[in-house]
Amino acid sequence: MEPRDWQLTDDLGEFLRAAEDFLRSRPALHTVTLTVAESLRTRGPYAHGAEPPRFGVLRDADGSPVRAALLHTPPRPLQLTPLDPEDAAALAARLAEEGHQVPGVWAERETAAAFATAWQRRTGVTAEQSERQRLYRLAELIPPESTPPGRARVADPADRELLARWYVEFAADTGGRILQDPAEWADSRLAHGGATLWETPDGTPVSLAGNLPESAGQIRVAPVYTPAALRGHGYAGAVTAEVSGRAAATGAEVLLFTDLANPVSNRLYQRLGYRPVADFATWTFA
């Protein structure tokens, strides 16, 4: 087999010139890397953290087309496109030799496990799988059998405080870390109409479905959140259907991730017409 070489850089432009065609060749599998790279391009290198991001591509030694890519925005986990175990081990060795701090890895399930195993062997850290996710693609929207009273509306600046509060509550509910100032997160969603609320007939917001901007012909729905006391009334299904339908109407491919530990949300999205694409995992390193 032709020897392969990881080429690492701190330059987003250099990374995109090398990797963009590769990332766009399988946009669903690479959706997170594409959207994070676009966010860094439009909002600046510190859009996702106080430390500078790191990028990389894997090529055969002869300089052939890119086979894989990495993106890291500390303190978030390292993001990897699918790799075989040998290439994952080579990357772990390279990053360890350079003293690169890796708090965890997020990737397609087998890739994440391969890198976690290699990083643990190389550095001696403890690696633990902390989350399992499934990527879904909307095949054809199936509206809910019944819709709760109320309506969907796109959030406006008057909802800024609510969005910020629900961002914090969503992170707590899902066991995630708050890696962005909540008010800044709300502002970023308001800037592109990326937050839709379901409100009751008296105008009380009861559920949220967000969406990221279109990237590489796709729109990803995230997050979907209903406060615990308001669940069980069909609000999440109604607002997710609204956002999904609006995204599909643009001609974009519509995607979303679910936590595999939550069977309720997985059933909900499949009832709405979402179909599985691939499973992903997050491993955390002590």
Protein backbone atom coordinates (compact mmCIF):
# COMPACT_ATOMS: atom_id res chain seq x y z
CA MET A 1 0.00 0.00 0.00
CA GLU A 2 1.24 3.47 -0.86
CA PRO A 3 2.52 5.23 2.30
CA ARG A 4 0.29 8.06 3.50
CA ASP A 5 1.15 11.36 5.08
CA TRP A 6 -0.78 13.66 7.44
CA GLN A 7 -0.32 17.32 6.52
CA LEU A 8 -1.22 19.60 9.45
CA THR A 9 -1.82 23.34 9.38
CA ASP A 10 -3.18 26.23 11.43
CA ASP A 11 -4.33 28.02 8.26
CA LEU A 12 -8.04 27.63 7.46
CA GLY A 13 -7.59 28.84 3.89
CA GLU A 14 -4.88 26.28 3.24
CA PHE A 15 -7.06 23.56 4.72
CA LEU A 16 -10.10 24.47 2.63
CA ARG A 17 -8.06 24.65 -0.58
CA ALA A 18 -6.84 21.13 0.08
CA ALA A 19 -9.92 19.52 1.63
CA GLU A 20 -13.05 21.28 0.38
CA ASP A 21 -13.63 19.08 -2.67
CA PHE A 22 -13.10 15.98 -0.56
CA LEU A 23 -15.51 17.20 2.14
CA ARG A 24 -18.16 18.10 -0.42
CA SER A 25 -17.85 14.70 -2.10
CA ARG A 26 -19.77 13.13 0.83
CA PRO A 27 -21.45 16.11 2.46
CA ALA A 28 -23.74 14.16 4.78
CA LEU A 29 -20.91 12.22 6.42
CA HIS A 30 -18.82 15.39 6.60
CA THR A 31 -21.62 17.75 7.63
CA VAL A 32 -20.15 18.85 10.95
CA THR A 33 -16.69 19.53 9.54
CA LEU A 34 -18.22 21.51 6.68
CA THR A 35 -20.42 23.64 8.93
CA VAL A 36 -17.70 24.30 11.51
CA ALA A 37 -15.23 25.27 8.79
CA GLU A 38 -17.80 27.64 7.28
CA SER A 39 -18.43 29.15 10.71
CA LEU A 40 -14.70 29.74 11.18
CA ARG A 41 -14.49 31.30 7.73
CA THR A 42 -17.36 33.72 8.31
CA ARG A 43 -17.02 34.43 12.04
CA GLY A 44 -13.27 34.19 12.53
CA PRO A 45 -10.83 31.60 13.93
CA TYR A 46 -12.04 31.97 17.52
CA ALA A 47 -15.74 31.42 16.79
CA HIS A 48 -15.65 28.08 18.62
CA GLY A 49 -13.14 28.67 21.39
CA ALA A 50 -10.34 30.80 22.79
CA GLU A 51 -7.58 28.61 21.35
CA PRO A 52 -6.55 28.60 17.68
CA PRO A 53 -8.00 25.76 15.59
CA ARG A 54 -5.94 23.04 13.92
CA PHE A 55 -6.58 21.33 10.62
CA GLY A 56 -5.17 18.45 8.65
CA VAL A 57 -5.51 16.30 5.55
CA LEU A 58 -4.31 12.80 4.75
CA ARG A 59 -2.84 12.03 1.34
CA ASP A 60 -0.79 9.28 -0.22
CA ALA A 61 2.88 10.18 -0.24
CA ASP A 62 2.71 10.89 -3.97
CA GLY A 63 0.40 13.86 -3.32
CA SER A 64 -2.77 12.20 -4.61
CA PRO A 65 -6.23 13.50 -3.65
CA VAL A 66 -7.17 13.89 -0.01
CA ARG A 67 -8.36 10.70 1.70
CA ALA A 68 -9.35 12.09 5.12
CA ALA A 69 -9.43 15.30 7.12
CA LEU A 70 -9.29 16.53 10.68
CA LEU A 71 -10.54 19.69 12.33
CA HIS A 72 -9.94 20.66 15.95
CA THR A 73 -11.39 23.67 17.74
CA PRO A 74 -10.23 23.33 21.37
CA PRO A 75 -11.65 22.69 23.93
CA ARG A 76 -14.04 20.64 21.79
CA PRO A 77 -13.11 17.09 20.74
CA LEU A 78 -11.02 16.44 17.67
CA GLN A 79 -13.25 15.89 14.60
CA LEU A 80 -12.23 13.23 12.09
CA THR A 81 -13.66 12.00 8.82
CA PRO A 82 -13.74 8.18 8.42
CA LEU A 83 -10.32 6.49 8.79
CA ASP A 84 -9.03 2.96 8.85
CA PRO A 85 -7.26 1.86 12.07
CA GLU A 86 -3.77 2.20 10.59
CA ASP A 87 -4.33 5.81 9.56
CA ALA A 88 -5.95 6.57 12.93
CA ALA A 89 -2.89 5.15 14.70
CA ALA A 90 -0.56 7.19 12.50
CA LEU A 91 -2.46 10.36 13.34
CA ALA A 92 -2.38 9.59 17.07
CA ALA A 93 1.38 9.12 16.86
CA ARG A 94 1.86 12.35 14.93
CA LEU A 95 -0.25 14.47 17.30
CA ALA A 96 1.37 12.93 20.38
CA GLU A 97 4.85 13.60 19.02
CA GLU A 98 3.91 17.25 18.48
CA GLY A 99 2.49 17.55 21.99
CA HIS A 100 -0.98 18.39 20.67
CA GLN A 101 -3.55 18.32 23.46
CA VAL A 102 -6.56 16.17 22.54
CA PRO A 103 -9.43 16.24 25.07
CA GLY A 104 -11.48 13.75 23.06
CA VAL A 105 -12.52 12.64 19.60
CA TRP A 106 -15.79 12.79 17.66
CA ALA A 107 -16.16 10.77 14.48
CA GLU A 108 -18.02 7.97 12.75
CA ARG A 109 -18.30 5.15 15.29
CA GLU A 110 -15.48 2.85 14.11
CA THR A 111 -13.12 5.74 13.44
CA ALA A 112 -13.70 7.25 16.87
CA ALA A 113 -13.03 3.91 18.55
CA ALA A 114 -9.87 3.32 16.49
CA PHE A 115 -8.43 6.73 17.30
CA ALA A 116 -9.37 6.44 21.00
CA THR A 117 -7.61 3.07 21.22
CA ALA A 118 -4.52 4.42 19.48
CA TRP A 119 -4.42 7.59 21.59
CA GLN A 120 -4.77 5.59 24.80
CA ARG A 121 -1.91 3.28 23.80
CA ARG A 122 0.26 6.18 22.74
CA THR A 123 -0.32 8.50 25.71
CA GLY A 124 -1.57 6.29 28.54
CA VAL A 125 -4.68 8.40 29.12
CA THR A 126 -8.02 6.87 30.03
CA ALA A 127 -10.47 6.86 27.11
CA GLU A 128 -14.20 6.57 27.68
CA GLN A 129 -17.05 6.62 25.18
CA SER A 130 -19.26 9.46 26.40
CA GLU A 131 -21.91 9.77 23.68
CA ARG A 132 -23.39 7.82 20.78
CA GLN A 133 -25.24 9.63 18.02
CA ARG A 134 -27.07 8.68 14.85
CA LEU A 135 -27.11 10.88 11.77
CA TYR A 136 -30.45 10.96 9.95
CA ARG A 137 -31.39 12.27 6.51
CA LEU A 138 -34.93 13.43 5.67
CA ALA A 139 -36.32 11.15 2.95
CA GLU A 140 -39.80 12.63 2.68
CA LEU A 141 -41.48 14.68 5.36
CA ILE A 142 -44.38 12.90 7.05
CA PRO A 143 -46.38 15.50 8.99
CA PRO A 144 -47.43 14.54 12.53
CA GLU A 145 -50.78 12.75 12.75
CA SER A 146 -52.00 15.48 15.06
CA THR A 147 -50.73 18.98 15.73
CA PRO A 148 -50.99 20.63 19.15
CA PRO A 149 -52.80 23.95 19.45
CA GLY A 150 -50.65 26.93 18.55
CA ARG A 151 -48.27 27.80 15.76
CA ALA A 152 -44.63 27.93 14.73
CA ARG A 153 -42.83 31.24 14.32
CA VAL A 154 -39.23 32.23 13.68
CA ALA A 155 -37.64 33.68 16.81
CA ASP A 156 -36.92 37.41 16.82
CA PRO A 157 -34.71 39.67 18.99
CA ALA A 158 -37.38 39.78 21.70
CA ASP A 159 -36.70 36.05 22.22
CA ARG A 160 -32.94 36.50 22.79
CA GLU A 161 -33.05 35.89 26.55
CA LEU A 162 -35.26 32.82 26.13
CA LEU A 163 -32.97 31.33 23.49
CA ALA A 164 -29.91 31.89 25.68
CA ARG A 165 -31.63 30.26 28.65
CA TRP A 166 -32.82 27.27 26.62
CA TYR A 167 -29.32 26.83 25.17
CA VAL A 168 -28.01 26.38 28.73
CA GLU A 169 -30.90 24.09 29.69
CA PHE A 170 -30.43 21.97 26.56
CA ALA A 171 -26.73 21.50 27.37
CA ALA A 172 -27.58 20.46 30.93
CA ASP A 173 -30.34 18.14 29.72
CA THR A 174 -28.08 16.34 27.24
CA GLY A 175 -24.96 16.28 29.41
CA GLY A 176 -23.11 18.61 27.06
CA ARG A 177 -20.67 21.37 27.91
CA ILE A 178 -21.44 25.06 27.43
CA LEU A 179 -18.65 26.04 25.05
CA GLN A 180 -20.11 29.31 23.79
CA ASP A 181 -21.49 32.35 25.55
CA PRO A 182 -25.27 31.74 25.59
CA ALA A 183 -26.11 35.29 24.46
CA GLU A 184 -23.64 35.00 21.57
CA TRP A 185 -25.21 31.66 20.61
CA ALA A 186 -28.64 33.29 20.60
CA ASP A 187 -27.36 36.18 18.49
CA SER A 188 -25.80 33.81 15.95
CA ARG A 189 -29.13 31.99 15.53
CA LEU A 190 -31.14 35.20 15.28
CA ALA A 191 -28.76 36.51 12.62
CA HIS A 192 -29.85 33.87 10.08
CA GLY A 193 -33.32 32.99 11.32
CA GLY A 194 -31.97 29.73 12.73
CA ALA A 195 -34.36 29.32 15.67
CA THR A 196 -38.05 28.47 15.35
CA LEU A 197 -40.41 28.37 18.33
CA TRP A 198 -43.68 26.57 18.81
CA GLU A 199 -46.01 28.78 20.82
CA THR A 200 -49.39 28.07 22.38
CA PRO A 201 -52.47 30.06 21.33
CA ASP A 202 -51.78 32.60 24.10
CA GLY A 203 -48.28 33.26 22.65
CA THR A 204 -46.23 31.26 25.18
CA PRO A 205 -43.14 29.58 23.62
CA VAL A 206 -43.06 25.89 24.54
CA SER A 207 -40.51 24.27 22.20
CA LEU A 208 -37.54 25.11 19.98
CA ALA A 209 -36.13 23.67 16.77
CA GLY A 210 -33.00 25.27 15.40
CA ASN A 211 -31.27 25.00 12.07
CA LEU A 212 -27.79 25.81 10.84
CA PRO A 213 -27.20 27.84 7.67
CA GLU A 214 -27.13 25.96 4.37
CA SER A 215 -23.69 24.49 3.64
CA ALA A 216 -22.69 22.30 0.69
CA GLY A 217 -26.34 21.89 -0.27
CA GLN A 218 -27.48 20.73 3.15
CA ILE A 219 -29.23 22.15 6.20
CA ARG A 220 -28.85 20.52 9.59
CA VAL A 221 -31.64 20.74 12.16
CA ALA A 222 -30.24 21.44 15.65
CA PRO A 223 -31.01 21.70 18.45
CA VAL A 224 -34.51 20.47 19.29
CA TYR A 225 -35.52 21.29 22.86
CA THR A 226 -38.68 21.27 24.96
CA PRO A 227 -38.47 22.04 28.70
CA ALA A 228 -39.11 18.91 30.74
CA ALA A 229 -42.37 20.18 32.24
CA LEU A 230 -43.83 20.77 28.75
CA ARG A 231 -43.01 17.45 27.12
CA GLY A 232 -45.54 14.90 25.95
CA HIS A 233 -47.82 17.30 24.10
CA GLY A 234 -46.39 16.96 20.58
CA TYR A 235 -44.66 20.36 20.59
CA ALA A 236 -41.24 19.00 19.53
CA GLY A 237 -42.72 17.03 16.64
CA ALA A 238 -44.72 19.99 15.41
CA VAL A 239 -41.85 22.48 15.47
CA THR A 240 -39.36 19.98 14.01
CA ALA A 241 -41.74 19.22 11.15
CA GLU A 242 -42.09 22.97 10.48
CA VAL A 243 -38.32 23.54 10.35
CA SER A 244 -37.70 20.36 8.34
CA GLY A 245 -40.34 21.23 5.77
CA ARG A 246 -39.06 24.76 5.37
CA ALA A 247 -35.50 23.49 4.88
CA ALA A 248 -36.58 20.84 2.38
CA ALA A 249 -38.48 23.45 0.38
CA THR A 250 -35.17 25.18 -0.40
CA GLY A 251 -33.99 22.05 -2.20
CA ALA A 252 -31.36 21.31 0.43
CA GLU A 253 -30.64 17.90 1.91
CA VAL A 254 -31.98 17.98 5.48
CA LEU A 255 -30.02 16.26 8.24
CA LEU A 256 -30.11 15.91 12.01
CA PHE A 257 -28.30 14.05 14.77
CA THR A 258 -29.93 12.24 17.67
CA ASP A 259 -28.58 10.86 20.92
CA LEU A 260 -28.93 7.07 20.73
CA ALA A 261 -29.52 7.04 24.49
CA ASN A 262 -32.85 8.80 23.84
CA PRO A 263 -35.25 6.34 22.17
CA VAL A 264 -38.11 8.86 22.24
CA SER A 265 -36.38 11.34 19.92
CA ASN A 266 -35.17 8.57 17.60
CA ARG A 267 -38.73 7.30 17.18
CA LEU A 268 -40.04 10.82 16.67
CA TYR A 269 -37.66 11.67 13.84
CA GLN A 270 -38.29 8.40 12.05
CA ARG A 271 -42.05 9.05 12.21
CA LEU A 272 -41.37 12.41 10.55
CA GLY A 273 -39.59 10.71 7.64
CA TYR A 274 -35.93 10.76 8.71
CA ARG A 275 -33.84 7.71 7.84
CA PRO A 276 -30.49 6.58 9.34
CA VAL A 277 -27.24 7.44 7.57
CA ALA A 278 -24.44 6.51 10.01
CA ASP A 279 -23.62 6.24 13.69
CA PHE A 280 -21.10 8.53 15.40
CA ALA A 281 -19.46 8.50 18.80
CA THR A 282 -17.64 10.84 21.16
CA TRP A 283 -14.76 9.54 23.28
CA THR A 284 -13.44 11.61 26.15
CA PHE A 285 -9.81 11.42 27.33
CA ALA A 286 -8.99 11.93 31.01
